[in-house]
Amino acid sequence: MTIATLDELFESAALEALLSTFDGDYRSLLDWWRRRVNASVFKRVQFPLDVAGAHGPAALIDVPRVVVGTIHSVKGGEADVVYLFPDLSGEADRQYQRTGPPRDSVIRQFYVGMTRARQTLYICPMETGMAVRI
């Protein structure tokens, strides 16, 4: 990371304040970071700051034990165990109720979801009337 990039991220004189206050305690560094990061990037760094504050900086590079996401957000990923919920959004349900390509697209998405499991796939019961029948 260049000094120019740091200057874009932080308010002026932030680096000097960091060097004068940091004493080796990562919580002090995280607190410094939280107070001085520019508002334009704060939302992007808030979650990692919270994770590092609660579990230490190493938690930022540890492999997550549980990942919760949509079929779209985990596309390309795999897990030993997958819990698949068949419920649909309103728009996806409208597509699923049609015939042809719209319905086929929803079915393909669930195929993608099912193929994310390396060992065990749990198909959960539907919670709403808007669900793929598996």
N, C-alpha and C. Protein backbone atom coordinates (compact mmCIF):
# COMPACT_ATOMS: atom_id res chain seq x y z
N MET A 1 0.86 -1.17 0.00
CA MET A 1 0.00 0.00 0.00
C MET A 1 0.90 1.23 0.00
N THR A 2 0.58 2.17 -0.83
CA THR A 2 1.41 3.37 -0.94
C THR A 2 0.94 4.44 0.04
N ILE A 3 1.80 5.41 0.28
CA ILE A 3 1.45 6.55 1.13
C ILE A 3 0.27 7.30 0.51
N ALA A 4 0.25 7.40 -0.82
CA ALA A 4 -0.86 8.08 -1.49
C ALA A 4 -2.19 7.37 -1.21
N THR A 5 -2.17 6.04 -1.23
CA THR A 5 -3.39 5.28 -0.92
C THR A 5 -3.80 5.50 0.52
N LEU A 6 -2.84 5.50 1.44
CA LEU A 6 -3.15 5.76 2.85
C LEU A 6 -3.73 7.16 3.02
N ASP A 7 -3.17 8.11 2.30
CA ASP A 7 -3.69 9.48 2.38
C ASP A 7 -5.14 9.56 1.90
N GLU A 8 -5.51 8.72 0.93
CA GLU A 8 -6.89 8.70 0.46
C GLU A 8 -7.83 8.07 1.49
N LEU A 9 -7.33 7.10 2.24
CA LEU A 9 -8.16 6.38 3.20
C LEU A 9 -8.35 7.11 4.51
N PHE A 10 -7.32 7.82 4.97
CA PHE A 10 -7.35 8.40 6.30
C PHE A 10 -7.32 9.92 6.28
N GLU A 11 -7.79 10.49 7.37
CA GLU A 11 -7.75 11.94 7.52
C GLU A 11 -6.29 12.38 7.62
N SER A 12 -6.04 13.66 7.41
CA SER A 12 -4.67 14.16 7.45
C SER A 12 -4.09 13.99 8.85
N ALA A 13 -2.83 13.71 8.92
CA ALA A 13 -2.05 13.51 10.16
C ALA A 13 -2.42 12.23 10.90
N ALA A 14 -3.22 11.35 10.29
CA ALA A 14 -3.61 10.11 10.96
C ALA A 14 -2.41 9.19 11.17
N LEU A 15 -1.53 9.10 10.19
CA LEU A 15 -0.38 8.21 10.32
C LEU A 15 0.52 8.64 11.49
N GLU A 16 0.74 9.93 11.61
CA GLU A 16 1.56 10.43 12.72
C GLU A 16 0.91 10.11 14.07
N ALA A 17 -0.41 10.25 14.14
CA ALA A 17 -1.12 9.93 15.38
C ALA A 17 -1.00 8.44 15.70
N LEU A 18 -1.06 7.61 14.68
CA LEU A 18 -0.91 6.17 14.89
C LEU A 18 0.46 5.85 15.47
N LEU A 19 1.49 6.38 14.85
CA LEU A 19 2.84 6.07 15.29
C LEU A 19 3.10 6.55 16.72
N SER A 20 2.46 7.62 17.11
CA SER A 20 2.70 8.14 18.46
C SER A 20 1.86 7.45 19.53
N THR A 21 0.79 6.78 19.16
CA THR A 21 -0.08 6.17 20.17
C THR A 21 -0.03 4.65 20.22
N PHE A 22 0.38 4.00 19.16
CA PHE A 22 0.36 2.54 19.12
C PHE A 22 1.45 1.96 20.01
N ASP A 23 1.05 1.10 20.95
CA ASP A 23 2.02 0.53 21.88
C ASP A 23 2.09 -0.99 21.77
N GLY A 24 1.63 -1.57 20.68
CA GLY A 24 1.70 -3.01 20.50
C GLY A 24 0.40 -3.74 20.80
N ASP A 25 -0.57 -3.07 21.39
CA ASP A 25 -1.86 -3.67 21.69
C ASP A 25 -2.76 -3.51 20.46
N TYR A 26 -3.16 -4.63 19.84
CA TYR A 26 -3.94 -4.53 18.62
C TYR A 26 -5.27 -3.82 18.84
N ARG A 27 -5.83 -3.88 20.04
CA ARG A 27 -7.10 -3.19 20.29
C ARG A 27 -6.92 -1.67 20.20
N SER A 28 -5.77 -1.19 20.64
CA SER A 28 -5.49 0.24 20.50
C SER A 28 -5.39 0.62 19.03
N LEU A 29 -4.75 -0.23 18.25
CA LEU A 29 -4.63 0.03 16.82
C LEU A 29 -6.00 0.00 16.15
N LEU A 30 -6.84 -0.97 16.51
CA LEU A 30 -8.19 -1.04 15.93
C LEU A 30 -9.01 0.19 16.31
N ASP A 31 -8.89 0.61 17.55
CA ASP A 31 -9.60 1.81 18.00
C ASP A 31 -9.13 3.03 17.21
N TRP A 32 -7.83 3.13 17.03
CA TRP A 32 -7.27 4.24 16.24
C TRP A 32 -7.84 4.20 14.83
N TRP A 33 -7.83 3.03 14.22
CA TRP A 33 -8.32 2.86 12.85
C TRP A 33 -9.78 3.27 12.77
N ARG A 34 -10.60 2.79 13.69
CA ARG A 34 -12.04 3.09 13.68
C ARG A 34 -12.30 4.59 13.79
N ARG A 35 -11.53 5.28 14.62
CA ARG A 35 -11.76 6.72 14.82
C ARG A 35 -11.28 7.56 13.63
N ARG A 36 -10.34 7.08 12.85
CA ARG A 36 -9.70 7.92 11.85
C ARG A 36 -9.97 7.56 10.39
N VAL A 37 -10.57 6.43 10.14
CA VAL A 37 -10.83 6.07 8.75
C VAL A 37 -11.87 7.04 8.19
N ASN A 38 -11.70 7.40 6.93
CA ASN A 38 -12.62 8.34 6.29
C ASN A 38 -14.03 7.77 6.24
N ALA A 39 -15.00 8.64 6.35
CA ALA A 39 -16.41 8.24 6.33
C ALA A 39 -16.76 7.50 5.05
N SER A 40 -16.10 7.85 3.95
CA SER A 40 -16.42 7.23 2.66
C SER A 40 -16.09 5.74 2.61
N VAL A 41 -15.22 5.26 3.47
CA VAL A 41 -14.86 3.84 3.49
C VAL A 41 -15.25 3.15 4.80
N PHE A 42 -15.82 3.89 5.73
CA PHE A 42 -16.11 3.31 7.06
C PHE A 42 -17.01 2.09 6.98
N LYS A 43 -18.07 2.15 6.18
CA LYS A 43 -18.99 1.01 6.11
C LYS A 43 -18.29 -0.25 5.61
N ARG A 44 -17.31 -0.10 4.73
CA ARG A 44 -16.59 -1.26 4.20
C ARG A 44 -15.66 -1.89 5.21
N VAL A 45 -15.17 -1.11 6.17
CA VAL A 45 -14.21 -1.65 7.14
C VAL A 45 -14.81 -1.93 8.50
N GLN A 46 -16.05 -1.55 8.71
CA GLN A 46 -16.67 -1.73 10.03
C GLN A 46 -16.75 -3.20 10.43
N PHE A 47 -17.22 -4.09 9.55
CA PHE A 47 -17.35 -5.49 9.90
C PHE A 47 -15.99 -6.13 10.21
N PRO A 48 -14.97 -5.96 9.35
CA PRO A 48 -13.66 -6.54 9.70
C PRO A 48 -13.11 -5.99 11.01
N LEU A 49 -13.35 -4.71 11.29
CA LEU A 49 -12.90 -4.15 12.57
C LEU A 49 -13.60 -4.82 13.74
N ASP A 50 -14.89 -5.06 13.60
CA ASP A 50 -15.64 -5.74 14.67
C ASP A 50 -15.14 -7.16 14.87
N VAL A 51 -14.88 -7.87 13.78
CA VAL A 51 -14.38 -9.25 13.88
C VAL A 51 -13.02 -9.26 14.57
N ALA A 52 -12.11 -8.39 14.13
CA ALA A 52 -10.77 -8.34 14.72
C ALA A 52 -10.84 -7.93 16.19
N GLY A 53 -11.73 -7.02 16.53
CA GLY A 53 -11.86 -6.59 17.92
C GLY A 53 -12.38 -7.69 18.81
N ALA A 54 -13.31 -8.49 18.31
CA ALA A 54 -13.91 -9.55 19.13
C ALA A 54 -13.05 -10.81 19.20
N HIS A 55 -12.34 -11.12 18.11
CA HIS A 55 -11.64 -12.41 18.04
C HIS A 55 -10.15 -12.30 17.74
N GLY A 56 -9.63 -11.09 17.63
CA GLY A 56 -8.22 -10.90 17.33
C GLY A 56 -7.98 -10.80 15.84
N PRO A 57 -6.89 -10.17 15.45
CA PRO A 57 -6.60 -9.96 14.03
C PRO A 57 -6.50 -11.25 13.22
N ALA A 58 -6.07 -12.35 13.84
CA ALA A 58 -5.95 -13.61 13.10
C ALA A 58 -7.29 -14.08 12.56
N ALA A 59 -8.39 -13.68 13.20
CA ALA A 59 -9.72 -14.09 12.75
C ALA A 59 -10.02 -13.56 11.35
N LEU A 60 -9.32 -12.53 10.92
CA LEU A 60 -9.56 -11.97 9.60
C LEU A 60 -9.02 -12.86 8.49
N ILE A 61 -8.07 -13.74 8.82
CA ILE A 61 -7.51 -14.62 7.79
C ILE A 61 -7.88 -16.08 8.02
N ASP A 62 -8.51 -16.41 9.15
CA ASP A 62 -8.95 -17.78 9.40
C ASP A 62 -10.07 -18.14 8.42
N VAL A 63 -10.12 -19.40 8.02
CA VAL A 63 -11.19 -19.89 7.17
C VAL A 63 -12.47 -19.93 8.01
N PRO A 64 -13.57 -19.35 7.52
CA PRO A 64 -14.82 -19.37 8.29
C PRO A 64 -15.30 -20.80 8.52
N ARG A 65 -15.84 -21.05 9.68
CA ARG A 65 -16.39 -22.38 9.98
C ARG A 65 -17.80 -22.52 9.45
N VAL A 66 -18.54 -21.42 9.43
CA VAL A 66 -19.90 -21.41 8.93
C VAL A 66 -20.04 -20.25 7.95
N VAL A 67 -20.62 -20.54 6.82
CA VAL A 67 -20.90 -19.50 5.83
C VAL A 67 -22.40 -19.52 5.57
N VAL A 68 -23.02 -18.38 5.72
CA VAL A 68 -24.45 -18.25 5.43
C VAL A 68 -24.56 -17.36 4.21
N GLY A 69 -25.27 -17.84 3.21
CA GLY A 69 -25.40 -17.03 2.01
C GLY A 69 -26.48 -17.56 1.10
N THR A 70 -26.68 -16.84 0.03
CA THR A 70 -27.63 -17.26 -0.99
C THR A 70 -26.92 -18.18 -1.97
N ILE A 71 -27.69 -18.83 -2.81
CA ILE A 71 -27.08 -19.68 -3.84
C ILE A 71 -26.14 -18.84 -4.70
N HIS A 72 -26.56 -17.61 -5.01
CA HIS A 72 -25.71 -16.72 -5.83
C HIS A 72 -24.41 -16.38 -5.11
N SER A 73 -24.47 -16.10 -3.82
CA SER A 73 -23.28 -15.63 -3.11
C SER A 73 -22.25 -16.73 -2.88
N VAL A 74 -22.67 -18.00 -2.93
CA VAL A 74 -21.70 -19.09 -2.73
C VAL A 74 -21.38 -19.83 -4.02
N LYS A 75 -21.86 -19.29 -5.13
CA LYS A 75 -21.61 -19.92 -6.42
C LYS A 75 -20.10 -20.11 -6.61
N GLY A 76 -19.72 -21.32 -6.96
CA GLY A 76 -18.30 -21.63 -7.13
C GLY A 76 -17.65 -22.15 -5.87
N GLY A 77 -18.29 -21.98 -4.72
CA GLY A 77 -17.74 -22.47 -3.46
C GLY A 77 -18.29 -23.85 -3.13
N GLU A 78 -17.63 -24.51 -2.20
CA GLU A 78 -18.08 -25.81 -1.73
C GLU A 78 -17.98 -25.85 -0.22
N ALA A 79 -18.73 -26.79 0.38
CA ALA A 79 -18.66 -27.01 1.82
C ALA A 79 -18.90 -28.49 2.08
N ASP A 80 -18.38 -28.98 3.19
CA ASP A 80 -18.61 -30.37 3.54
C ASP A 80 -20.10 -30.64 3.74
N VAL A 81 -20.77 -29.70 4.41
CA VAL A 81 -22.20 -29.84 4.71
C VAL A 81 -22.92 -28.59 4.21
N VAL A 82 -24.04 -28.80 3.52
CA VAL A 82 -24.85 -27.69 3.01
C VAL A 82 -26.29 -27.90 3.47
N TYR A 83 -26.88 -26.84 3.98
CA TYR A 83 -28.30 -26.80 4.29
C TYR A 83 -28.95 -25.93 3.23
N LEU A 84 -29.86 -26.51 2.47
CA LEU A 84 -30.50 -25.79 1.37
C LEU A 84 -31.97 -25.55 1.71
N PHE A 85 -32.35 -24.30 1.71
CA PHE A 85 -33.73 -23.92 1.97
C PHE A 85 -34.42 -23.70 0.62
N PRO A 86 -35.55 -24.35 0.37
CA PRO A 86 -36.18 -24.25 -0.95
C PRO A 86 -37.05 -23.01 -1.15
N ASP A 87 -37.15 -22.16 -0.15
CA ASP A 87 -38.02 -20.98 -0.26
C ASP A 87 -37.49 -19.99 -1.30
N LEU A 88 -38.41 -19.33 -1.96
CA LEU A 88 -38.08 -18.41 -3.04
C LEU A 88 -38.50 -16.99 -2.70
N SER A 89 -37.87 -16.04 -3.36
CA SER A 89 -38.33 -14.66 -3.30
C SER A 89 -39.59 -14.56 -4.15
N GLY A 90 -40.30 -13.46 -4.05
CA GLY A 90 -41.50 -13.26 -4.86
C GLY A 90 -41.21 -13.35 -6.34
N GLU A 91 -40.14 -12.71 -6.79
CA GLU A 91 -39.79 -12.73 -8.21
C GLU A 91 -39.41 -14.14 -8.67
N ALA A 92 -38.62 -14.85 -7.87
CA ALA A 92 -38.23 -16.21 -8.24
C ALA A 92 -39.44 -17.13 -8.27
N ASP A 93 -40.39 -16.92 -7.35
CA ASP A 93 -41.60 -17.74 -7.36
C ASP A 93 -42.42 -17.48 -8.62
N ARG A 94 -42.51 -16.23 -9.05
CA ARG A 94 -43.23 -15.93 -10.29
C ARG A 94 -42.57 -16.65 -11.48
N GLN A 95 -41.24 -16.68 -11.50
CA GLN A 95 -40.53 -17.39 -12.57
C GLN A 95 -40.78 -18.89 -12.48
N TYR A 96 -40.76 -19.42 -11.27
CA TYR A 96 -40.94 -20.85 -11.06
C TYR A 96 -42.35 -21.30 -11.45
N GLN A 97 -43.34 -20.43 -11.31
CA GLN A 97 -44.72 -20.77 -11.65
C GLN A 97 -44.96 -20.77 -13.16
N ARG A 98 -44.04 -20.18 -13.92
CA ARG A 98 -44.17 -20.15 -15.37
C ARG A 98 -43.61 -21.45 -15.96
N THR A 99 -43.66 -21.59 -17.25
CA THR A 99 -43.07 -22.74 -17.91
C THR A 99 -41.92 -22.26 -18.78
N GLY A 100 -41.10 -23.20 -19.18
CA GLY A 100 -40.00 -22.87 -20.08
C GLY A 100 -38.80 -22.27 -19.39
N PRO A 101 -38.07 -21.37 -20.09
CA PRO A 101 -36.80 -20.83 -19.58
C PRO A 101 -36.88 -20.17 -18.19
N PRO A 102 -37.93 -19.41 -17.86
CA PRO A 102 -37.94 -18.81 -16.51
C PRO A 102 -37.92 -19.88 -15.40
N ARG A 103 -38.77 -20.90 -15.54
CA ARG A 103 -38.82 -21.98 -14.55
C ARG A 103 -37.50 -22.76 -14.56
N ASP A 104 -36.98 -23.05 -15.75
CA ASP A 104 -35.72 -23.79 -15.86
C ASP A 104 -34.59 -23.06 -15.16
N SER A 105 -34.57 -21.73 -15.22
CA SER A 105 -33.53 -20.93 -14.57
C SER A 105 -33.56 -21.12 -13.06
N VAL A 106 -34.75 -21.14 -12.47
CA VAL A 106 -34.87 -21.34 -11.02
C VAL A 106 -34.41 -22.75 -10.66
N ILE A 107 -34.79 -23.74 -11.44
CA ILE A 107 -34.39 -25.12 -11.18
C ILE A 107 -32.87 -25.26 -11.26
N ARG A 108 -32.25 -24.60 -12.26
CA ARG A 108 -30.78 -24.64 -12.38
C ARG A 108 -30.10 -24.02 -11.16
N GLN A 109 -30.69 -22.94 -10.63
CA GLN A 109 -30.11 -22.32 -9.43
C GLN A 109 -30.09 -23.30 -8.27
N PHE A 110 -31.17 -24.05 -8.11
CA PHE A 110 -31.20 -25.02 -7.01
C PHE A 110 -30.26 -26.19 -7.27
N TYR A 111 -30.07 -26.55 -8.52
CA TYR A 111 -29.07 -27.56 -8.85
C TYR A 111 -27.69 -27.08 -8.41
N VAL A 112 -27.38 -25.81 -8.70
CA VAL A 112 -26.11 -25.23 -8.26
C VAL A 112 -26.00 -25.32 -6.74
N GLY A 113 -27.08 -24.95 -6.02
CA GLY A 113 -27.07 -25.02 -4.57
C GLY A 113 -26.81 -26.42 -4.06
N MET A 114 -27.43 -27.41 -4.68
CA MET A 114 -27.26 -28.80 -4.24
C MET A 114 -25.85 -29.32 -4.51
N THR A 115 -25.22 -28.84 -5.56
CA THR A 115 -23.89 -29.34 -5.91
C THR A 115 -22.78 -28.66 -5.12
N ARG A 116 -23.11 -27.79 -4.19
CA ARG A 116 -22.09 -27.16 -3.34
C ARG A 116 -21.66 -28.09 -2.22
N ALA A 117 -22.43 -29.15 -1.94
CA ALA A 117 -22.11 -30.06 -0.83
C ALA A 117 -21.09 -31.10 -1.25
N ARG A 118 -19.97 -31.18 -0.51
CA ARG A 118 -18.96 -32.20 -0.78
C ARG A 118 -19.37 -33.54 -0.16
N GLN A 119 -19.99 -33.49 1.03
CA GLN A 119 -20.31 -34.75 1.72
C GLN A 119 -21.80 -34.90 2.01
N THR A 120 -22.42 -33.89 2.61
CA THR A 120 -23.79 -34.03 3.07
C THR A 120 -24.62 -32.83 2.64
N LEU A 121 -25.81 -33.13 2.10
CA LEU A 121 -26.76 -32.10 1.71
C LEU A 121 -28.03 -32.31 2.52
N TYR A 122 -28.43 -31.27 3.24
CA TYR A 122 -29.70 -31.28 3.96
C TYR A 122 -30.65 -30.36 3.22
N ILE A 123 -31.80 -30.90 2.81
CA ILE A 123 -32.82 -30.07 2.20
C ILE A 123 -33.83 -29.76 3.30
N CYS A 124 -33.89 -28.51 3.67
CA CYS A 124 -34.72 -28.07 4.79
C CYS A 124 -36.18 -27.97 4.36
N PRO A 125 -37.09 -28.06 5.33
CA PRO A 125 -38.50 -27.92 4.97
C PRO A 125 -38.81 -26.48 4.53
N MET A 126 -39.78 -26.36 3.64
CA MET A 126 -40.13 -25.01 3.19
C MET A 126 -40.86 -24.28 4.31
N GLU A 127 -40.60 -22.99 4.35
CA GLU A 127 -41.20 -22.12 5.38
C GLU A 127 -42.39 -21.35 4.85
N THR A 128 -42.48 -21.22 3.53
CA THR A 128 -43.56 -20.45 2.91
C THR A 128 -44.16 -21.27 1.79
N GLY A 129 -45.23 -20.78 1.22
CA GLY A 129 -45.82 -21.44 0.05
C GLY A 129 -45.04 -21.17 -1.22
N MET A 130 -44.09 -20.25 -1.13
CA MET A 130 -43.27 -19.93 -2.30
C MET A 130 -41.96 -20.70 -2.20
N ALA A 131 -41.97 -21.93 -2.72
CA ALA A 131 -40.78 -22.77 -2.60
C ALA A 131 -40.70 -23.73 -3.76
N VAL A 132 -39.49 -24.13 -4.07
CA VAL A 132 -39.27 -25.15 -5.09
C VAL A 132 -39.63 -26.49 -4.46
N ARG A 133 -40.33 -27.30 -5.17
CA ARG A 133 -40.68 -28.65 -4.70
C ARG A 133 -39.53 -29.57 -5.03
N ILE A 134 -38.79 -29.99 -4.00
CA ILE A 134 -37.62 -30.85 -4.23
C ILE A 134 -37.95 -32.26 -3.77
